[in-house]
Amino acid sequence: MVMAMKIEKQSSKLIKPFVQTPPTQSHYKLGFIDELAPAHDTGIVLFFAANSNHNPNFVARLEKSLGKTLTRLYPLAGRYVEETHSVDCKDQGAEFIHAKVNIKLQDFLVSEENVKFTDEFIPSKIGVARQQSDPLLATQVTTFECGGVAIGASATHKIVDASTLCTFVNEWAVTNREENEIEFKGPGFNSSILFPSRGLSSIPFPFINIEMLNKYTKKKLSFSGSAISKMKAKCSNSTRQRSKVQLVSAIIWKTFMGVDLAIHNHQRHSIHIQAVSLRGKMASSIPKTSCGNLCGACTTECTTLERTEELADRLTDSVKKTVTKYSKERHDCEEGQAMVLNLIMSSMDNISESTNVVFTTSWCKFPFYEADFGFGKPTWVAPGIVPVHQMTYMIDDAEGTGVEAYVYLEVKDVPYFEEALEHAIAFGA
């Protein structure tokens, strides 16, 4: 059923902030973590079952509430200026697409192939250079034959990380749901205040170019809450409290080490790089609803073929050590800012062709499943995937206790990956 899926665009328009952005806010300077962010989009799609609360004019209502949301998060309606590392905030508008798909939501959700098609509900540009006239935010509302709805959003990583994307989605949802005007209590875009510009260049990230896309695929790995509990019990001899994120990260790292061993016939030096949100982690306050790129990096290395539980311990210790470093520094002093910068830069310094590098980013605990636009909470949420070799996105499952991991890898490596995954989950040698 999914293979016959066809999405047809019904309309596309630019939505401007409901209230004009004051001239005093027409120039938003990036913070230095924003400057380092790779030049790709960060995206998400939320699927909602058909609901009797669906207003026949709900698309028009979503347009209006998007305009109100952009009033509060105005840089999303601007345009990025590469030369000055800034956003021109003259209310140029965010893209709003309305589309229809020729299948029922339930048929899509039950298909094992659905993970290959989720990006079609997210209006992002993969492998295409962003022009200065391009919107920084694009949204897509897709209606299914049954009345189900998919709401996708994609924004440039230059000013948006996963937490910011979640803040935007929930703010849009609340605005669309509430009849009365609501007050946005978050600080909004403040990354440039917290970590002022240093005129840095984007980190050269190992993206897959558009000609190579057909050589790659993505897989979804589902770990239920009960499965994670059983895996934790298997390695209960440790005194460490392993989180579900570190446990799943260890399984994926172990799996990619197995793939690397099968390809090269020897165990190469392996590096695991994961993003760490700085919100609530530094000695000085960075509110959870702060917007912009507010992430540091945690790097973990391994030179021997370790068991999954040993990798989980290694990751747990590494994250704890990194977070402790952040907790002792303030963001509003040179020492703290230099530490954040150095940890990000050093995470990329060790990358070479002779090193097996695995990237993970966790969107767990971000309340995407709380986004109620007025027709119930989403039944499924899936992240947009950026084409980076051995990149994994983790997100809570619908129950909130499990993890769904989206892995990007070469098609030719899939048999190696599946075999290595079995050993990793079994906590084999």
Protein backbone atom coordinates (compact mmCIF):
# COMPACT_ATOMS: atom_id res chain seq x y z
CA MET A 1 0.00 0.00 0.00
CA VAL A 2 2.81 2.43 0.90
CA MET A 3 4.60 1.65 -2.37
CA ALA A 4 1.63 3.16 -4.26
CA MET A 5 1.65 6.24 -2.06
CA LYS A 6 1.48 9.55 -3.88
CA ILE A 7 1.57 12.94 -2.20
CA GLU A 8 0.10 15.81 -4.18
CA LYS A 9 0.78 19.42 -3.19
CA GLN A 10 -2.45 21.42 -3.02
CA SER A 11 -0.99 24.81 -2.21
CA SER A 12 2.14 26.57 -0.99
CA LYS A 13 2.36 30.02 0.52
CA LEU A 14 4.52 32.17 2.74
CA ILE A 15 3.14 32.86 6.22
CA LYS A 16 4.37 36.05 7.85
CA PRO A 17 4.34 36.88 11.56
CA PHE A 18 0.86 37.93 12.71
CA VAL A 19 2.36 41.06 14.26
CA GLN A 20 5.14 42.89 12.44
CA THR A 21 8.61 42.42 13.91
CA PRO A 22 9.91 45.75 15.33
CA PRO A 23 12.79 47.36 13.39
CA THR A 24 14.93 47.04 16.52
CA GLN A 25 14.77 43.24 16.08
CA SER A 26 15.35 43.12 12.33
CA HIS A 27 18.89 41.77 12.65
CA TYR A 28 19.49 38.52 14.56
CA LYS A 29 23.16 37.66 15.00
CA LEU A 30 24.06 33.98 15.35
CA GLY A 31 25.81 32.66 18.45
CA PHE A 32 29.08 30.80 17.99
CA ILE A 33 27.47 27.35 18.40
CA ASP A 34 25.04 28.40 15.64
CA GLU A 35 28.02 29.38 13.49
CA LEU A 36 29.54 25.92 13.91
CA ALA A 37 26.27 24.12 13.10
CA PRO A 38 26.27 22.22 9.81
CA ALA A 39 24.32 23.69 6.92
CA HIS A 40 21.46 21.21 6.78
CA ASP A 41 17.86 21.13 7.95
CA THR A 42 16.45 19.68 11.16
CA GLY A 43 13.05 18.09 10.61
CA ILE A 44 10.21 16.23 12.29
CA VAL A 45 6.84 14.77 11.29
CA LEU A 46 3.90 14.07 13.61
CA PHE A 47 1.05 11.76 12.56
CA PHE A 48 -2.45 12.32 13.96
CA ALA A 49 -5.38 9.91 13.71
CA ALA A 50 -8.71 11.12 12.32
CA ASN A 51 -10.62 12.97 15.02
CA SER A 52 -14.14 14.34 15.32
CA ASN A 53 -12.62 17.61 16.53
CA HIS A 54 -11.22 18.25 13.06
CA ASN A 55 -12.56 21.59 11.95
CA PRO A 56 -13.28 21.60 8.18
CA ASN A 57 -11.25 24.81 8.06
CA PHE A 58 -8.40 23.39 10.13
CA VAL A 59 -5.80 24.10 7.43
CA ALA A 60 -6.68 27.81 7.46
CA ARG A 61 -6.60 27.73 11.26
CA LEU A 62 -3.11 26.19 11.18
CA GLU A 63 -1.96 28.97 8.86
CA LYS A 64 -3.26 31.64 11.22
CA SER A 65 -1.78 30.03 14.35
CA LEU A 66 1.56 29.63 12.55
CA GLY A 67 1.60 33.39 11.95
CA LYS A 68 0.97 34.02 15.66
CA THR A 69 3.74 31.58 16.59
CA LEU A 70 6.16 33.31 14.22
CA THR A 71 5.42 36.60 15.98
CA ARG A 72 7.05 35.16 19.09
CA LEU A 73 9.77 33.16 17.30
CA TYR A 74 10.38 35.76 14.60
CA PRO A 75 13.87 34.65 13.33
CA LEU A 76 12.13 31.61 11.81
CA ALA A 77 10.38 33.98 9.38
CA GLY A 78 13.64 35.65 8.33
CA ARG A 79 16.40 34.87 5.83
CA TYR A 80 19.95 33.74 6.55
CA VAL A 81 22.83 35.96 5.44
CA GLU A 82 26.00 33.85 5.16
CA GLU A 83 28.43 36.78 4.89
CA THR A 84 27.41 38.31 8.21
CA HIS A 85 26.44 35.13 10.14
CA SER A 86 23.06 36.66 10.82
CA VAL A 87 19.35 36.42 10.07
CA ASP A 88 17.61 39.26 8.28
CA CYS A 89 14.32 39.46 10.21
CA LYS A 90 12.07 41.51 7.96
CA ASP A 91 9.13 39.08 8.13
CA GLN A 92 9.82 37.49 4.75
CA GLY A 93 7.80 34.50 5.93
CA ALA A 94 7.91 30.74 6.54
CA GLU A 95 6.67 28.26 3.94
CA PHE A 96 3.32 26.56 4.53
CA ILE A 97 2.45 23.63 2.26
CA HIS A 98 -0.89 21.84 2.17
CA ALA A 99 -0.80 18.40 0.56
CA LYS A 100 -2.96 15.31 0.19
CA VAL A 101 -1.90 11.66 0.11
CA ASN A 102 -3.85 8.88 -1.56
CA ILE A 103 -3.77 6.31 1.27
CA LYS A 104 -5.23 5.85 4.72
CA LEU A 105 -3.09 6.67 7.76
CA GLN A 106 -3.60 3.22 9.30
CA ASP A 107 -2.31 1.52 6.15
CA PHE A 108 0.76 3.71 6.31
CA LEU A 109 1.41 3.12 10.01
CA VAL A 110 1.18 -0.70 9.81
CA SER A 111 3.51 -0.96 6.80
CA GLU A 112 7.03 -2.11 7.60
CA GLU A 113 8.19 0.08 4.70
CA ASN A 114 6.87 3.34 6.19
CA VAL A 115 10.24 4.44 7.56
CA LYS A 116 11.50 4.84 3.97
CA PHE A 117 8.76 7.36 3.21
CA THR A 118 8.50 9.54 6.34
CA ASP A 119 10.79 12.20 4.85
CA GLU A 120 8.21 12.83 2.11
CA PHE A 121 6.01 14.43 4.79
CA ILE A 122 8.85 16.78 5.84
CA PRO A 123 9.54 19.72 3.48
CA SER A 124 13.33 19.67 3.74
CA LYS A 125 15.97 20.09 1.05
CA ILE A 126 18.50 17.26 1.04
CA GLY A 127 21.61 17.75 -1.03
CA VAL A 128 20.50 21.18 -2.29
CA ALA A 129 22.42 24.31 -1.33
CA ARG A 130 20.29 26.87 0.50
CA GLN A 131 19.83 30.15 -1.31
CA GLN A 132 19.69 33.43 0.61
CA SER A 133 16.07 33.89 -0.50
CA ASP A 134 14.97 30.48 0.86
CA PRO A 135 12.72 30.35 3.94
CA LEU A 136 14.45 29.18 7.13
CA LEU A 137 11.34 27.26 8.19
CA ALA A 138 9.04 25.12 6.05
CA THR A 139 5.91 23.34 7.27
CA GLN A 140 3.75 20.76 5.53
CA VAL A 141 0.24 19.67 6.48
CA THR A 142 -0.71 16.44 4.68
CA THR A 143 -4.21 14.99 4.88
CA PHE A 144 -4.84 11.24 4.48
CA GLU A 145 -7.91 9.70 2.81
CA CYS A 146 -9.29 8.69 6.22
CA GLY A 147 -9.06 12.18 7.70
CA GLY A 148 -5.74 11.52 9.44
CA VAL A 149 -3.15 14.29 9.31
CA ALA A 150 0.63 14.54 9.17
CA ILE A 151 2.27 17.78 10.28
CA GLY A 152 5.88 18.12 9.19
CA ALA A 153 8.32 20.90 9.97
CA SER A 154 11.86 21.54 8.85
CA ALA A 155 14.18 24.40 9.73
CA THR A 156 17.79 25.29 9.11
CA HIS A 157 20.21 23.87 11.67
CA LYS A 158 21.99 27.25 11.62
CA ILE A 159 19.46 28.55 14.16
CA VAL A 160 17.48 25.44 15.18
CA ASP A 161 18.48 22.32 17.11
CA ALA A 162 16.11 19.49 18.09
CA SER A 163 15.07 21.17 21.34
CA THR A 164 14.26 24.41 19.49
CA LEU A 165 12.26 22.45 16.91
CA CYS A 166 10.30 20.84 19.74
CA THR A 167 9.66 24.22 21.39
CA PHE A 168 8.37 25.58 18.07
CA VAL A 169 6.09 22.58 17.40
CA ASN A 170 4.55 22.69 20.87
CA GLU A 171 4.15 26.47 20.77
CA TRP A 172 2.40 26.18 17.41
CA ALA A 173 0.19 23.39 18.78
CA VAL A 174 -0.88 25.34 21.88
CA THR A 175 -1.55 28.46 19.80
CA ASN A 176 -3.68 26.46 17.36
CA ARG A 177 -5.57 24.72 20.17
CA GLU A 178 -6.38 27.71 22.36
CA GLU A 179 -9.17 30.06 21.36
CA ASN A 180 -7.84 32.88 23.52
CA GLU A 181 -4.51 34.60 23.07
CA ILE A 182 -1.77 32.94 25.08
CA GLU A 183 1.48 34.32 26.38
CA PHE A 184 4.75 32.71 25.34
CA LYS A 185 6.73 32.24 28.54
CA GLY A 186 9.98 31.06 26.95
CA PRO A 187 13.04 33.25 26.37
CA GLY A 188 12.79 32.70 22.61
CA PHE A 189 15.91 32.89 20.45
CA ASN A 190 18.72 33.71 22.85
CA SER A 191 21.68 31.56 21.71
CA SER A 192 23.45 34.70 20.43
CA ILE A 193 23.13 36.27 23.89
CA LEU A 194 24.28 33.14 25.72
CA PHE A 195 27.18 32.34 23.36
CA PRO A 196 28.02 35.49 21.35
CA SER A 197 29.30 35.31 17.79
CA ARG A 198 33.00 34.61 17.14
CA GLY A 199 32.86 34.71 13.35
CA LEU A 200 33.48 30.95 13.06
CA SER A 201 32.86 28.74 10.05
CA SER A 202 30.59 25.70 9.96
CA ILE A 203 32.20 22.43 11.01
CA PRO A 204 32.89 20.39 7.85
CA PHE A 205 30.46 17.53 8.43
CA PRO A 206 30.75 14.27 6.42
CA PHE A 207 27.55 14.65 4.39
CA ILE A 208 26.56 12.27 1.63
CA ASN A 209 26.17 14.19 -1.62
CA ILE A 210 23.02 13.88 -3.70
CA GLU A 211 24.66 11.59 -6.29
CA MET A 212 25.45 9.05 -3.55
CA LEU A 213 22.00 9.00 -1.91
CA ASN A 214 20.85 5.84 -3.71
CA LYS A 215 23.77 3.94 -2.13
CA TYR A 216 22.38 4.62 1.34
CA THR A 217 19.32 3.59 3.28
CA LYS A 218 17.78 4.12 6.71
CA LYS A 219 16.55 1.54 9.16
CA LYS A 220 14.28 1.90 12.16
CA LEU A 221 15.16 -0.13 15.25
CA SER A 222 12.45 -0.35 17.91
CA PHE A 223 13.29 -1.10 21.54
CA SER A 224 10.21 -1.36 23.75
CA GLY A 225 10.30 -0.37 27.41
CA SER A 226 10.05 -4.01 28.47
CA ALA A 227 12.87 -5.03 26.10
CA ILE A 228 15.10 -2.30 27.53
CA SER A 229 14.30 -3.45 31.08
CA LYS A 230 15.30 -7.01 30.17
CA MET A 231 18.55 -5.80 28.60
CA LYS A 232 19.35 -3.77 31.70
CA ALA A 233 18.78 -6.89 33.80
CA LYS A 234 21.24 -8.83 31.64
CA CYS A 235 24.04 -6.49 32.61
CA SER A 236 22.96 -5.78 36.19
CA ASN A 237 26.36 -6.79 37.57
CA SER A 238 27.47 -3.20 37.05
CA THR A 239 27.02 -0.56 39.73
CA ARG A 240 26.31 2.06 37.05
CA GLN A 241 22.80 3.25 36.33
CA ARG A 242 22.55 3.01 32.55
CA SER A 243 19.94 5.16 30.83
CA LYS A 244 17.94 3.74 27.95
CA VAL A 245 19.71 6.19 25.63
CA GLN A 246 23.19 5.00 26.60
CA LEU A 247 22.11 1.36 26.39
CA VAL A 248 20.69 1.76 22.87
CA SER A 249 23.69 3.91 21.87
CA ALA A 250 25.99 1.10 23.02
CA ILE A 251 24.05 -1.47 20.98
CA ILE A 252 24.30 0.67 17.85
CA TRP A 253 27.98 1.49 18.42
CA LYS A 254 28.74 -2.20 18.99
CA THR A 255 26.83 -3.03 15.79
CA PHE A 256 28.77 -0.55 13.66
CA MET A 257 32.02 -1.85 15.16
CA GLY A 258 30.91 -5.29 13.97
CA VAL A 259 30.22 -3.91 10.48
CA ASP A 260 33.64 -2.27 10.42
CA LEU A 261 35.31 -5.51 11.50
CA ALA A 262 33.55 -7.45 8.72
CA ILE A 263 34.65 -4.92 6.10
CA HIS A 264 38.29 -4.40 7.21
CA ASN A 265 39.00 -7.79 8.81
CA HIS A 266 40.47 -6.12 11.88
CA GLN A 267 39.15 -3.95 14.68
CA ARG A 268 39.90 -0.31 13.93
CA HIS A 269 39.96 2.59 16.36
CA SER A 270 36.34 3.66 16.90
CA ILE A 271 34.92 6.99 18.05
CA HIS A 272 31.38 7.65 19.25
CA ILE A 273 30.22 11.29 19.02
CA GLN A 274 26.95 12.43 20.56
CA ALA A 275 25.31 15.79 21.04
CA VAL A 276 24.62 17.03 24.58
CA SER A 277 22.07 19.77 25.24
CA LEU A 278 23.49 22.54 27.42
CA ARG A 279 20.05 23.55 28.71
CA GLY A 280 19.94 23.10 32.46
CA LYS A 281 23.45 21.63 32.56
CA MET A 282 25.78 24.60 33.09
CA ALA A 283 26.48 26.40 36.37
CA SER A 284 24.59 29.44 35.05
CA SER A 285 20.97 29.18 33.96
CA ILE A 286 20.06 28.21 30.39
CA PRO A 287 16.26 27.66 30.37
CA LYS A 288 14.89 24.55 28.65
CA THR A 289 12.84 26.67 26.23
CA SER A 290 15.86 28.65 25.06
CA CYS A 291 16.02 28.65 21.26
CA GLY A 292 18.97 28.33 18.93
CA ASN A 293 21.82 25.83 18.89
CA LEU A 294 22.62 25.14 22.53
CA CYS A 295 24.44 21.82 22.29
CA GLY A 296 27.86 20.64 23.24
CA ALA A 297 29.56 17.39 22.27
CA CYS A 298 30.62 14.24 24.07
CA THR A 299 33.28 12.03 22.48
CA THR A 300 33.98 8.45 23.56
CA GLU A 301 36.77 6.30 22.13
CA CYS A 302 37.33 2.55 21.95
CA THR A 303 40.32 0.67 20.54
CA THR A 304 39.38 -2.93 21.41
CA LEU A 305 36.42 -5.17 20.66
CA GLU A 306 34.42 -4.68 23.85
CA ARG A 307 31.12 -6.27 24.86
CA THR A 308 27.93 -4.23 24.59
CA GLU A 309 27.63 -3.78 28.35
CA GLU A 310 31.24 -2.55 28.51
CA LEU A 311 30.49 0.01 25.81
CA ALA A 312 27.37 1.06 27.74
CA ASP A 313 29.53 1.63 30.83
CA ARG A 314 32.10 3.51 28.76
CA LEU A 315 29.39 5.78 27.32
CA THR A 316 27.74 6.30 30.71
CA ASP A 317 31.06 7.32 32.29
CA SER A 318 31.94 9.58 29.35
CA VAL A 319 28.61 11.42 29.39
CA LYS A 320 28.74 11.80 33.18
CA LYS A 321 32.27 13.21 32.98
CA THR A 322 31.31 15.63 30.19
CA VAL A 323 28.16 16.85 31.95
CA THR A 324 30.18 17.35 35.14
CA LYS A 325 32.58 19.57 33.20
CA TYR A 326 29.69 21.66 31.91
CA SER A 327 28.12 21.89 35.37
CA LYS A 328 31.25 23.53 36.80
CA GLU A 329 31.40 26.30 34.21
CA ARG A 330 29.25 29.35 33.56
CA HIS A 331 28.19 30.23 30.03
CA ASP A 332 28.64 33.95 30.71
CA CYS A 333 32.41 33.92 31.12
CA GLU A 334 35.30 33.30 28.74
CA GLU A 335 36.42 30.10 30.50
CA GLY A 336 33.00 28.48 30.15
CA GLN A 337 32.56 29.53 26.53
CA ALA A 338 36.07 28.35 25.63
CA MET A 339 35.36 24.95 27.20
CA VAL A 340 32.13 24.54 25.19
CA LEU A 341 33.94 25.53 22.00
CA ASN A 342 36.94 23.27 22.65
CA LEU A 343 34.80 20.19 23.35
CA ILE A 344 32.88 20.69 20.11
CA MET A 345 36.02 21.25 18.04
CA SER A 346 37.95 18.37 19.62
CA SER A 347 35.08 15.98 18.84
CA MET A 348 35.73 16.51 15.13
CA ASP A 349 39.54 16.61 15.30
CA ASN A 350 39.91 12.82 15.57
CA ILE A 351 37.85 12.04 12.48
CA SER A 352 39.90 10.47 9.70
CA GLU A 353 39.52 7.80 7.04
CA SER A 354 41.35 5.33 9.29
CA THR A 355 38.84 5.80 12.11
CA ASN A 356 35.42 4.20 12.49
CA VAL A 357 33.16 7.11 13.51
CA VAL A 358 29.63 6.63 14.82
CA PHE A 359 27.30 9.60 15.41
CA THR A 360 24.23 9.54 17.66
CA THR A 361 21.84 12.23 18.73
CA SER A 362 19.04 11.70 21.23
CA TRP A 363 15.69 13.44 20.98
CA CYS A 364 14.38 11.40 23.91
CA LYS A 365 12.62 13.44 26.64
CA PHE A 366 11.74 16.17 24.11
CA PRO A 367 7.93 16.33 24.42
CA PHE A 368 7.00 15.93 20.74
CA TYR A 369 4.23 13.51 21.76
CA GLU A 370 2.64 16.29 23.87
CA ALA A 371 1.94 18.42 20.78
CA ASP A 372 -1.88 18.64 20.63
CA PHE A 373 -3.08 20.95 17.86
CA GLY A 374 -6.69 20.50 18.97
CA PHE A 375 -7.28 17.08 17.47
CA GLY A 376 -5.48 14.87 19.95
CA LYS A 377 -1.86 13.93 20.55
CA PRO A 378 0.20 12.30 17.79
CA THR A 379 0.09 8.54 17.31
CA TRP A 380 3.60 8.46 15.85
CA VAL A 381 6.48 10.93 15.62
CA ALA A 382 9.49 10.44 13.33
CA PRO A 383 12.60 12.60 12.90
CA GLY A 384 13.89 13.79 9.55
CA ILE A 385 17.12 12.04 8.65
CA VAL A 386 20.21 13.92 7.53
CA PRO A 387 22.41 11.96 5.08
CA VAL A 388 25.45 11.25 7.23
CA HIS A 389 27.13 7.82 7.21
CA GLN A 390 26.58 5.88 10.47
CA MET A 391 24.33 8.57 11.94
CA THR A 392 21.59 7.56 14.38
CA TYR A 393 18.64 9.57 15.70
CA MET A 394 16.93 8.30 18.85
CA ILE A 395 13.45 9.35 19.94
CA ASP A 396 10.97 8.14 22.54
CA ASP A 397 8.32 5.70 21.35
CA ALA A 398 4.62 6.57 21.74
CA GLU A 399 4.52 4.98 25.23
CA GLY A 400 7.50 7.04 26.35
CA THR A 401 9.37 4.10 27.88
CA GLY A 402 10.97 2.69 24.76
CA VAL A 403 13.30 4.04 22.08
CA GLU A 404 13.02 4.20 18.31
CA ALA A 405 16.41 4.52 16.62
CA TYR A 406 16.75 5.68 13.01
CA VAL A 407 20.03 4.55 11.50
CA TYR A 408 21.61 5.76 8.24
CA LEU A 409 24.04 3.40 6.50
CA GLU A 410 25.17 2.05 3.15
CA VAL A 411 22.85 -0.44 1.45
CA LYS A 412 25.73 -2.88 0.91
CA ASP A 413 26.42 -2.91 4.67
CA VAL A 414 22.87 -3.88 5.69
CA PRO A 415 23.58 -7.68 5.90
CA TYR A 416 26.67 -7.01 8.06
CA PHE A 417 24.63 -4.59 10.19
CA GLU A 418 21.79 -7.05 10.79
CA GLU A 419 24.16 -9.85 11.76
CA ALA A 420 26.20 -7.60 14.06
CA LEU A 421 22.98 -6.24 15.62
CA GLU A 422 21.93 -9.71 16.74
CA HIS A 423 25.25 -10.14 18.58
CA ALA A 424 25.07 -6.65 20.09
CA ILE A 425 21.55 -7.15 21.45
CA ALA A 426 22.53 -10.56 22.83
CA PHE A 427 25.46 -8.86 24.63
CA GLY A 428 27.82 -11.28 22.94
CA ALA A 429 31.57 -10.96 22.70
